Amino acid sequence: MISSTLCYLFKDGRYLMLHRTKKEHDANRDKWIGIGGKFEEGESPEDCMRREVLEETGLSVTCFRYSGIVTFVSDRWKGEFMHLFLITDWTGTLRTCDEGDLEWVAEEKMPQLPAWAGDKIFFSLMNRGGPFFSLKLTYAGEDLLSAELDGRPIDPSDY
């Protein structure tokens, strides 16, 4: 299993999203995702979050909430533990990203963006501002087969 971070920067009713369009053979190609990436040796989740946000956006995180951990199981890709962060303050100037196009998206438009089915679940959980959660998502290709929240099956359509 690999470890990664996924970060959602939020300000004035909008989220900074990355439209993945620039990398060849990208599992996230043409999808809209948050900012993040894989851990480097010796990094904590917070270290990785800060580094990835700085590398992909030019922004330095000053205030965040560590919202949950998502376990991805797939028949196509290596398993992954993804650490989810909601970032509400930062310094610096936004710059161009070499992985895709960065765009501020209004909160009400988020559900219409092309994304993984499971993303809609953890995005909803993160936005509720509730306790730290553990979400397990099992995929066959790009199809979500099952979801478990804190060890219990859930219906993805509820999110």
N, C-alpha and C. Protein backbone atom coordinates (compact mmCIF):
# COMPACT_ATOMS: atom_id res chain seq x y z
N MET A 1 0.85 -1.18 0.00
CA MET A 1 0.00 0.00 0.00
C MET A 1 0.90 1.25 0.00
N ILE A 2 0.48 2.21 -0.78
CA ILE A 2 1.19 3.49 -0.78
C ILE A 2 0.41 4.47 0.11
N SER A 3 1.08 5.51 0.54
CA SER A 3 0.43 6.56 1.33
C SER A 3 0.50 7.87 0.57
N SER A 4 -0.60 8.63 0.64
CA SER A 4 -0.67 9.90 -0.07
C SER A 4 -1.52 10.87 0.73
N THR A 5 -1.54 12.12 0.25
CA THR A 5 -2.43 13.13 0.82
C THR A 5 -3.34 13.66 -0.28
N LEU A 6 -4.50 14.14 0.12
CA LEU A 6 -5.40 14.87 -0.78
C LEU A 6 -5.92 16.06 0.01
N CYS A 7 -5.76 17.24 -0.57
CA CYS A 7 -6.03 18.49 0.15
C CYS A 7 -7.01 19.34 -0.62
N TYR A 8 -7.98 19.86 0.11
CA TYR A 8 -8.96 20.77 -0.47
C TYR A 8 -8.78 22.14 0.17
N LEU A 9 -8.35 23.12 -0.63
CA LEU A 9 -8.21 24.49 -0.17
C LEU A 9 -9.55 25.19 -0.37
N PHE A 10 -10.06 25.82 0.69
CA PHE A 10 -11.38 26.43 0.68
C PHE A 10 -11.31 27.88 1.12
N LYS A 11 -11.92 28.76 0.33
CA LYS A 11 -11.98 30.18 0.69
C LYS A 11 -13.15 30.84 -0.05
N ASP A 12 -13.90 31.64 0.67
CA ASP A 12 -14.98 32.44 0.08
C ASP A 12 -15.97 31.60 -0.73
N GLY A 13 -16.33 30.41 -0.20
CA GLY A 13 -17.32 29.57 -0.86
C GLY A 13 -16.81 28.81 -2.07
N ARG A 14 -15.49 28.78 -2.27
CA ARG A 14 -14.93 28.09 -3.43
C ARG A 14 -13.77 27.18 -3.01
N TYR A 15 -13.60 26.10 -3.79
CA TYR A 15 -12.52 25.14 -3.58
C TYR A 15 -11.52 25.25 -4.72
N LEU A 16 -10.24 25.15 -4.39
CA LEU A 16 -9.21 25.10 -5.41
C LEU A 16 -9.11 23.66 -5.90
N MET A 17 -9.44 23.44 -7.16
CA MET A 17 -9.45 22.10 -7.73
C MET A 17 -8.41 21.99 -8.84
N LEU A 18 -7.93 20.78 -9.02
CA LEU A 18 -6.95 20.48 -10.06
C LEU A 18 -7.63 19.61 -11.12
N HIS A 19 -7.74 20.13 -12.32
CA HIS A 19 -8.27 19.37 -13.45
C HIS A 19 -7.08 18.67 -14.09
N ARG A 20 -7.02 17.34 -13.92
CA ARG A 20 -5.85 16.57 -14.34
C ARG A 20 -5.85 16.38 -15.85
N THR A 21 -5.04 17.16 -16.54
CA THR A 21 -5.03 17.14 -18.00
C THR A 21 -3.64 17.03 -18.61
N LYS A 22 -2.57 17.13 -17.82
CA LYS A 22 -1.24 17.29 -18.39
C LYS A 22 -0.35 16.05 -18.37
N LYS A 23 -0.66 15.05 -17.55
CA LYS A 23 0.20 13.87 -17.45
C LYS A 23 -0.33 12.74 -18.32
N GLU A 24 0.58 12.09 -19.05
CA GLU A 24 0.21 10.89 -19.82
C GLU A 24 0.02 9.72 -18.85
N HIS A 25 -0.84 8.79 -19.19
CA HIS A 25 -1.08 7.57 -18.41
C HIS A 25 -1.41 7.88 -16.95
N ASP A 26 -2.24 8.87 -16.74
CA ASP A 26 -2.65 9.33 -15.42
C ASP A 26 -3.96 8.65 -15.04
N ALA A 27 -3.98 7.94 -13.91
CA ALA A 27 -5.21 7.29 -13.44
C ALA A 27 -6.32 8.31 -13.20
N ASN A 28 -5.94 9.56 -12.95
CA ASN A 28 -6.91 10.63 -12.69
C ASN A 28 -7.16 11.52 -13.90
N ARG A 29 -6.71 11.09 -15.07
CA ARG A 29 -6.81 11.91 -16.28
C ARG A 29 -8.24 12.41 -16.50
N ASP A 30 -8.38 13.69 -16.76
CA ASP A 30 -9.64 14.38 -17.04
C ASP A 30 -10.58 14.49 -15.84
N LYS A 31 -10.15 14.02 -14.66
CA LYS A 31 -10.96 14.17 -13.46
C LYS A 31 -10.54 15.44 -12.72
N TRP A 32 -11.41 15.91 -11.85
CA TRP A 32 -11.15 17.06 -10.99
C TRP A 32 -10.88 16.52 -9.59
N ILE A 33 -9.72 16.85 -9.06
CA ILE A 33 -9.35 16.35 -7.73
C ILE A 33 -8.76 17.50 -6.92
N GLY A 34 -8.54 17.23 -5.64
CA GLY A 34 -7.85 18.19 -4.79
C GLY A 34 -6.36 18.14 -5.08
N ILE A 35 -5.60 18.83 -4.27
CA ILE A 35 -4.15 18.92 -4.39
C ILE A 35 -3.53 17.82 -3.53
N GLY A 36 -2.48 17.19 -4.00
CA GLY A 36 -1.82 16.20 -3.14
C GLY A 36 -0.92 15.28 -3.91
N GLY A 37 -0.43 14.26 -3.21
CA GLY A 37 0.45 13.29 -3.82
C GLY A 37 1.02 12.33 -2.80
N LYS A 38 1.98 11.55 -3.25
CA LYS A 38 2.56 10.47 -2.45
C LYS A 38 3.57 10.97 -1.43
N PHE A 39 3.62 10.25 -0.32
CA PHE A 39 4.58 10.54 0.75
C PHE A 39 6.00 10.31 0.25
N GLU A 40 6.92 11.11 0.75
CA GLU A 40 8.34 10.85 0.57
C GLU A 40 8.85 10.23 1.87
N GLU A 41 9.97 9.56 1.80
CA GLU A 41 10.55 8.88 2.97
C GLU A 41 10.66 9.84 4.15
N GLY A 42 10.16 9.39 5.30
CA GLY A 42 10.28 10.15 6.54
C GLY A 42 9.22 11.20 6.76
N GLU A 43 8.29 11.38 5.83
CA GLU A 43 7.25 12.41 5.98
C GLU A 43 6.08 11.91 6.83
N SER A 44 5.54 12.82 7.63
CA SER A 44 4.27 12.60 8.29
C SER A 44 3.17 13.02 7.32
N PRO A 45 1.90 12.70 7.61
CA PRO A 45 0.82 13.20 6.74
C PRO A 45 0.85 14.72 6.60
N GLU A 46 1.12 15.42 7.71
CA GLU A 46 1.15 16.88 7.66
C GLU A 46 2.32 17.39 6.82
N ASP A 47 3.48 16.74 6.93
CA ASP A 47 4.64 17.12 6.12
C ASP A 47 4.33 16.98 4.64
N CYS A 48 3.75 15.85 4.27
CA CYS A 48 3.42 15.58 2.87
C CYS A 48 2.39 16.58 2.36
N MET A 49 1.38 16.87 3.17
CA MET A 49 0.34 17.83 2.79
C MET A 49 0.96 19.19 2.48
N ARG A 50 1.80 19.67 3.39
CA ARG A 50 2.42 20.99 3.21
C ARG A 50 3.31 21.01 1.96
N ARG A 51 4.12 19.97 1.77
CA ARG A 51 5.03 19.92 0.63
C ARG A 51 4.25 19.86 -0.68
N GLU A 52 3.26 19.00 -0.76
CA GLU A 52 2.49 18.85 -2.00
C GLU A 52 1.74 20.14 -2.36
N VAL A 53 1.14 20.79 -1.37
CA VAL A 53 0.43 22.04 -1.65
C VAL A 53 1.42 23.08 -2.17
N LEU A 54 2.57 23.19 -1.53
CA LEU A 54 3.57 24.16 -1.98
C LEU A 54 4.06 23.84 -3.39
N GLU A 55 4.36 22.56 -3.66
CA GLU A 55 4.87 22.17 -4.99
C GLU A 55 3.84 22.41 -6.09
N GLU A 56 2.58 22.09 -5.82
CA GLU A 56 1.56 22.15 -6.88
C GLU A 56 0.90 23.52 -7.03
N THR A 57 0.97 24.35 -5.97
CA THR A 57 0.25 25.63 -6.03
C THR A 57 1.13 26.85 -5.75
N GLY A 58 2.26 26.66 -5.07
CA GLY A 58 3.07 27.79 -4.63
C GLY A 58 2.59 28.39 -3.32
N LEU A 59 1.58 27.79 -2.69
CA LEU A 59 1.01 28.31 -1.45
C LEU A 59 1.55 27.56 -0.23
N SER A 60 1.74 28.28 0.88
CA SER A 60 2.20 27.69 2.14
C SER A 60 1.03 27.63 3.12
N VAL A 61 0.70 26.43 3.55
CA VAL A 61 -0.45 26.20 4.43
C VAL A 61 -0.19 26.77 5.83
N THR A 62 -1.18 27.49 6.36
CA THR A 62 -1.09 28.03 7.72
C THR A 62 -2.21 27.53 8.63
N CYS A 63 -3.32 27.02 8.07
CA CYS A 63 -4.42 26.52 8.90
C CYS A 63 -5.12 25.37 8.15
N PHE A 64 -5.29 24.25 8.84
CA PHE A 64 -5.90 23.07 8.21
C PHE A 64 -6.60 22.20 9.24
N ARG A 65 -7.44 21.29 8.74
CA ARG A 65 -8.06 20.24 9.56
C ARG A 65 -7.75 18.90 8.90
N TYR A 66 -7.16 18.00 9.66
CA TYR A 66 -6.91 16.63 9.20
C TYR A 66 -8.24 15.90 9.35
N SER A 67 -8.91 15.62 8.24
CA SER A 67 -10.31 15.20 8.27
C SER A 67 -10.54 13.69 8.33
N GLY A 68 -9.67 12.92 7.67
CA GLY A 68 -9.89 11.48 7.66
C GLY A 68 -8.84 10.76 6.85
N ILE A 69 -9.00 9.44 6.84
CA ILE A 69 -8.13 8.59 6.03
C ILE A 69 -9.03 7.73 5.14
N VAL A 70 -8.63 7.61 3.89
CA VAL A 70 -9.39 6.83 2.92
C VAL A 70 -8.51 5.67 2.46
N THR A 71 -9.02 4.46 2.56
CA THR A 71 -8.32 3.27 2.09
C THR A 71 -8.91 2.88 0.74
N PHE A 72 -8.07 2.91 -0.29
CA PHE A 72 -8.49 2.51 -1.63
C PHE A 72 -8.04 1.10 -1.91
N VAL A 73 -8.98 0.28 -2.39
CA VAL A 73 -8.68 -1.07 -2.84
C VAL A 73 -9.15 -1.16 -4.28
N SER A 74 -8.29 -1.67 -5.17
CA SER A 74 -8.60 -1.68 -6.59
C SER A 74 -8.08 -2.94 -7.25
N ASP A 75 -8.79 -3.39 -8.28
CA ASP A 75 -8.30 -4.51 -9.07
C ASP A 75 -7.31 -4.04 -10.15
N ARG A 76 -7.15 -2.73 -10.31
CA ARG A 76 -6.33 -2.19 -11.38
C ARG A 76 -5.09 -1.45 -10.86
N TRP A 77 -5.21 -0.79 -9.70
CA TRP A 77 -4.11 0.01 -9.17
C TRP A 77 -3.71 -0.48 -7.80
N LYS A 78 -2.48 -0.13 -7.41
CA LYS A 78 -1.96 -0.50 -6.09
C LYS A 78 -2.83 0.13 -5.01
N GLY A 79 -3.00 -0.57 -3.90
CA GLY A 79 -3.78 -0.05 -2.78
C GLY A 79 -3.16 1.23 -2.24
N GLU A 80 -4.00 2.03 -1.59
CA GLU A 80 -3.52 3.34 -1.14
C GLU A 80 -4.23 3.76 0.14
N PHE A 81 -3.44 4.35 1.06
CA PHE A 81 -3.97 5.06 2.22
C PHE A 81 -3.85 6.54 1.91
N MET A 82 -4.98 7.23 1.76
CA MET A 82 -4.98 8.64 1.41
C MET A 82 -5.45 9.45 2.62
N HIS A 83 -4.61 10.40 3.03
CA HIS A 83 -4.89 11.26 4.17
C HIS A 83 -5.54 12.53 3.65
N LEU A 84 -6.72 12.84 4.16
CA LEU A 84 -7.56 13.91 3.64
C LEU A 84 -7.48 15.16 4.54
N PHE A 85 -7.23 16.31 3.91
CA PHE A 85 -7.10 17.58 4.63
C PHE A 85 -8.02 18.64 4.04
N LEU A 86 -8.60 19.46 4.92
CA LEU A 86 -9.31 20.66 4.52
C LEU A 86 -8.44 21.84 4.97
N ILE A 87 -8.04 22.67 4.02
CA ILE A 87 -7.14 23.78 4.28
C ILE A 87 -7.92 25.08 4.15
N THR A 88 -7.84 25.91 5.18
CA THR A 88 -8.64 27.13 5.20
C THR A 88 -7.82 28.42 5.22
N ASP A 89 -6.50 28.31 5.32
CA ASP A 89 -5.69 29.52 5.27
C ASP A 89 -4.29 29.18 4.78
N TRP A 90 -3.68 30.14 4.08
CA TRP A 90 -2.37 29.95 3.49
C TRP A 90 -1.78 31.31 3.15
N THR A 91 -0.51 31.30 2.81
CA THR A 91 0.17 32.50 2.33
C THR A 91 0.77 32.18 0.97
N GLY A 92 1.15 33.21 0.26
CA GLY A 92 1.80 33.03 -1.04
C GLY A 92 0.89 33.41 -2.19
N THR A 93 1.41 33.19 -3.39
CA THR A 93 0.71 33.52 -4.62
C THR A 93 0.53 32.25 -5.45
N LEU A 94 -0.69 32.01 -5.88
CA LEU A 94 -1.01 30.82 -6.68
C LEU A 94 -0.22 30.85 -7.98
N ARG A 95 0.35 29.69 -8.34
CA ARG A 95 1.11 29.59 -9.58
C ARG A 95 0.56 28.44 -10.42
N THR A 96 1.05 28.30 -11.62
CA THR A 96 0.64 27.24 -12.54
C THR A 96 1.13 25.89 -12.04
N CYS A 97 0.33 24.85 -12.25
CA CYS A 97 0.67 23.49 -11.84
C CYS A 97 1.03 22.66 -13.07
N ASP A 98 2.07 21.85 -12.97
CA ASP A 98 2.50 21.04 -14.11
C ASP A 98 1.70 19.74 -14.26
N GLU A 99 0.72 19.50 -13.37
CA GLU A 99 -0.08 18.27 -13.45
C GLU A 99 -1.47 18.50 -14.04
N GLY A 100 -1.85 19.78 -14.17
CA GLY A 100 -3.17 20.09 -14.70
C GLY A 100 -3.48 21.56 -14.48
N ASP A 101 -4.74 21.90 -14.66
CA ASP A 101 -5.18 23.29 -14.53
C ASP A 101 -5.83 23.51 -13.17
N LEU A 102 -5.33 24.49 -12.43
CA LEU A 102 -5.92 24.87 -11.14
C LEU A 102 -7.06 25.85 -11.39
N GLU A 103 -8.18 25.62 -10.70
CA GLU A 103 -9.33 26.50 -10.87
C GLU A 103 -10.12 26.57 -9.57
N TRP A 104 -10.56 27.77 -9.21
CA TRP A 104 -11.44 27.94 -8.06
C TRP A 104 -12.86 27.60 -8.51
N VAL A 105 -13.49 26.64 -7.80
CA VAL A 105 -14.82 26.15 -8.16
C VAL A 105 -15.79 26.43 -7.01
N ALA A 106 -16.92 27.03 -7.34
CA ALA A 106 -17.95 27.31 -6.34
C ALA A 106 -18.43 26.02 -5.70
N GLU A 107 -18.65 26.08 -4.40
CA GLU A 107 -19.05 24.89 -3.63
C GLU A 107 -20.25 24.18 -4.25
N GLU A 108 -21.25 24.94 -4.71
CA GLU A 108 -22.45 24.30 -5.26
C GLU A 108 -22.20 23.59 -6.59
N LYS A 109 -21.10 23.89 -7.26
CA LYS A 109 -20.78 23.24 -8.54
C LYS A 109 -19.93 21.99 -8.37
N MET A 110 -19.44 21.75 -7.17
CA MET A 110 -18.55 20.60 -6.94
C MET A 110 -19.19 19.26 -7.32
N PRO A 111 -20.46 19.00 -6.99
CA PRO A 111 -21.04 17.69 -7.33
C PRO A 111 -21.11 17.40 -8.83
N GLN A 112 -21.07 18.43 -9.68
CA GLN A 112 -21.17 18.21 -11.13
C GLN A 112 -19.83 17.92 -11.80
N LEU A 113 -18.73 18.10 -11.08
CA LEU A 113 -17.41 17.88 -11.69
C LEU A 113 -17.15 16.40 -11.92
N PRO A 114 -16.51 16.04 -13.05
CA PRO A 114 -16.12 14.64 -13.26
C PRO A 114 -15.09 14.23 -12.20
N ALA A 115 -15.45 13.24 -11.39
CA ALA A 115 -14.59 12.78 -10.30
C ALA A 115 -14.89 11.30 -10.04
N TRP A 116 -14.06 10.68 -9.25
CA TRP A 116 -14.32 9.31 -8.82
C TRP A 116 -15.57 9.28 -7.97
N ALA A 117 -16.33 8.20 -8.03
CA ALA A 117 -17.57 8.07 -7.24
C ALA A 117 -17.28 8.21 -5.75
N GLY A 118 -16.20 7.62 -5.28
CA GLY A 118 -15.85 7.69 -3.86
C GLY A 118 -15.47 9.09 -3.40
N ASP A 119 -14.97 9.91 -4.33
CA ASP A 119 -14.59 11.28 -3.96
C ASP A 119 -15.78 12.05 -3.43
N LYS A 120 -16.94 11.80 -4.00
CA LYS A 120 -18.14 12.51 -3.57
C LYS A 120 -18.50 12.14 -2.12
N ILE A 121 -18.19 10.89 -1.72
CA ILE A 121 -18.46 10.45 -0.35
C ILE A 121 -17.52 11.16 0.62
N PHE A 122 -16.21 11.07 0.38
CA PHE A 122 -15.31 11.66 1.37
C PHE A 122 -15.35 13.18 1.34
N PHE A 123 -15.67 13.76 0.20
CA PHE A 123 -15.83 15.21 0.15
C PHE A 123 -17.00 15.64 1.03
N SER A 124 -18.11 14.91 0.94
CA SER A 124 -19.28 15.19 1.77
C SER A 124 -18.95 15.03 3.26
N LEU A 125 -18.26 13.96 3.61
CA LEU A 125 -17.90 13.73 5.01
C LEU A 125 -16.99 14.84 5.53
N MET A 126 -16.02 15.24 4.73
CA MET A 126 -15.09 16.30 5.12
C MET A 126 -15.85 17.61 5.36
N ASN A 127 -16.81 17.92 4.50
CA ASN A 127 -17.54 19.19 4.60
C ASN A 127 -18.51 19.23 5.76
N ARG A 128 -18.87 18.09 6.28
CA ARG A 128 -19.77 18.08 7.44
C ARG A 128 -19.07 18.58 8.69
N GLY A 129 -17.74 18.57 8.66
CA GLY A 129 -16.98 19.06 9.80
C GLY A 129 -17.05 18.17 11.02
N GLY A 130 -17.44 16.93 10.82
CA GLY A 130 -17.59 16.00 11.93
C GLY A 130 -16.27 15.44 12.41
N PRO A 131 -16.34 14.36 13.15
CA PRO A 131 -15.12 13.76 13.69
C PRO A 131 -14.28 13.13 12.57
N PHE A 132 -13.02 12.88 12.90
CA PHE A 132 -12.11 12.18 12.01
C PHE A 132 -12.77 10.87 11.58
N PHE A 133 -12.65 10.52 10.30
CA PHE A 133 -13.30 9.30 9.81
C PHE A 133 -12.32 8.41 9.05
N SER A 134 -12.72 7.15 8.96
CA SER A 134 -12.00 6.17 8.15
C SER A 134 -12.99 5.64 7.12
N LEU A 135 -12.62 5.78 5.84
CA LEU A 135 -13.49 5.36 4.74
C LEU A 135 -12.73 4.37 3.88
N LYS A 136 -13.34 3.23 3.60
CA LYS A 136 -12.74 2.23 2.71
C LYS A 136 -13.57 2.18 1.44
N LEU A 137 -12.89 2.35 0.30
CA LEU A 137 -13.54 2.31 -1.01
C LEU A 137 -12.93 1.19 -1.84
N THR A 138 -13.79 0.33 -2.39
CA THR A 138 -13.32 -0.79 -3.20
C THR A 138 -13.83 -0.60 -4.63
N TYR A 139 -12.88 -0.63 -5.57
CA TYR A 139 -13.17 -0.39 -6.99
C TYR A 139 -12.84 -1.60 -7.84
N ALA A 140 -13.62 -1.76 -8.93
CA ALA A 140 -13.28 -2.63 -10.05
C ALA A 140 -13.15 -1.68 -11.23
N GLY A 141 -11.92 -1.47 -11.68
CA GLY A 141 -11.70 -0.44 -12.69
C GLY A 141 -12.11 0.90 -12.11
N GLU A 142 -12.99 1.63 -12.80
CA GLU A 142 -13.47 2.91 -12.30
C GLU A 142 -14.82 2.81 -11.59
N ASP A 143 -15.32 1.59 -11.44
CA ASP A 143 -16.62 1.37 -10.80
C ASP A 143 -16.46 1.14 -9.30
N LEU A 144 -17.17 1.93 -8.50
CA LEU A 144 -17.15 1.75 -7.05
C LEU A 144 -18.02 0.55 -6.69
N LEU A 145 -17.40 -0.47 -6.09
CA LEU A 145 -18.12 -1.68 -5.72
C LEU A 145 -18.73 -1.59 -4.33
N SER A 146 -17.97 -1.00 -3.39
CA SER A 146 -18.47 -0.92 -2.02
C SER A 146 -17.77 0.21 -1.28
N ALA A 147 -18.42 0.64 -0.20
CA ALA A 147 -17.87 1.68 0.66
C ALA A 147 -18.19 1.32 2.11
N GLU A 148 -17.22 1.55 2.98
CA GLU A 148 -17.40 1.33 4.41
C GLU A 148 -16.93 2.57 5.15
N LEU A 149 -17.76 3.05 6.06
CA LEU A 149 -17.42 4.20 6.88
C LEU A 149 -17.21 3.72 8.31
N ASP A 150 -16.01 3.97 8.83
CA ASP A 150 -15.64 3.53 10.18
C ASP A 150 -15.98 2.06 10.40
N GLY A 151 -15.69 1.24 9.38
CA GLY A 151 -15.85 -0.21 9.48
C GLY A 151 -17.24 -0.75 9.20
N ARG A 152 -18.18 0.12 8.81
CA ARG A 152 -19.55 -0.33 8.52
C ARG A 152 -19.93 -0.01 7.09
N PRO A 153 -20.58 -0.95 6.39
CA PRO A 153 -21.01 -0.68 5.01
C PRO A 153 -21.94 0.53 4.96
N ILE A 154 -21.78 1.32 3.90
CA ILE A 154 -22.68 2.45 3.67
C ILE A 154 -23.17 2.40 2.23
N ASP A 155 -24.25 3.11 1.97
CA ASP A 155 -24.79 3.23 0.63
C ASP A 155 -24.23 4.52 0.01
N PRO A 156 -23.38 4.40 -1.03
CA PRO A 156 -22.78 5.59 -1.64
C PRO A 156 -23.81 6.61 -2.13
N SER A 157 -25.00 6.17 -2.47
CA SER A 157 -26.02 7.11 -2.95
C SER A 157 -26.53 8.05 -1.85
N ASP A 158 -26.21 7.75 -0.59
CA ASP A 158 -26.60 8.61 0.53
C ASP A 158 -25.72 9.86 0.61
N TYR A 159 -24.69 9.90 -0.22
CA TYR A 159 -23.74 11.01 -0.17
C TYR A 159 -23.74 11.74 -1.48
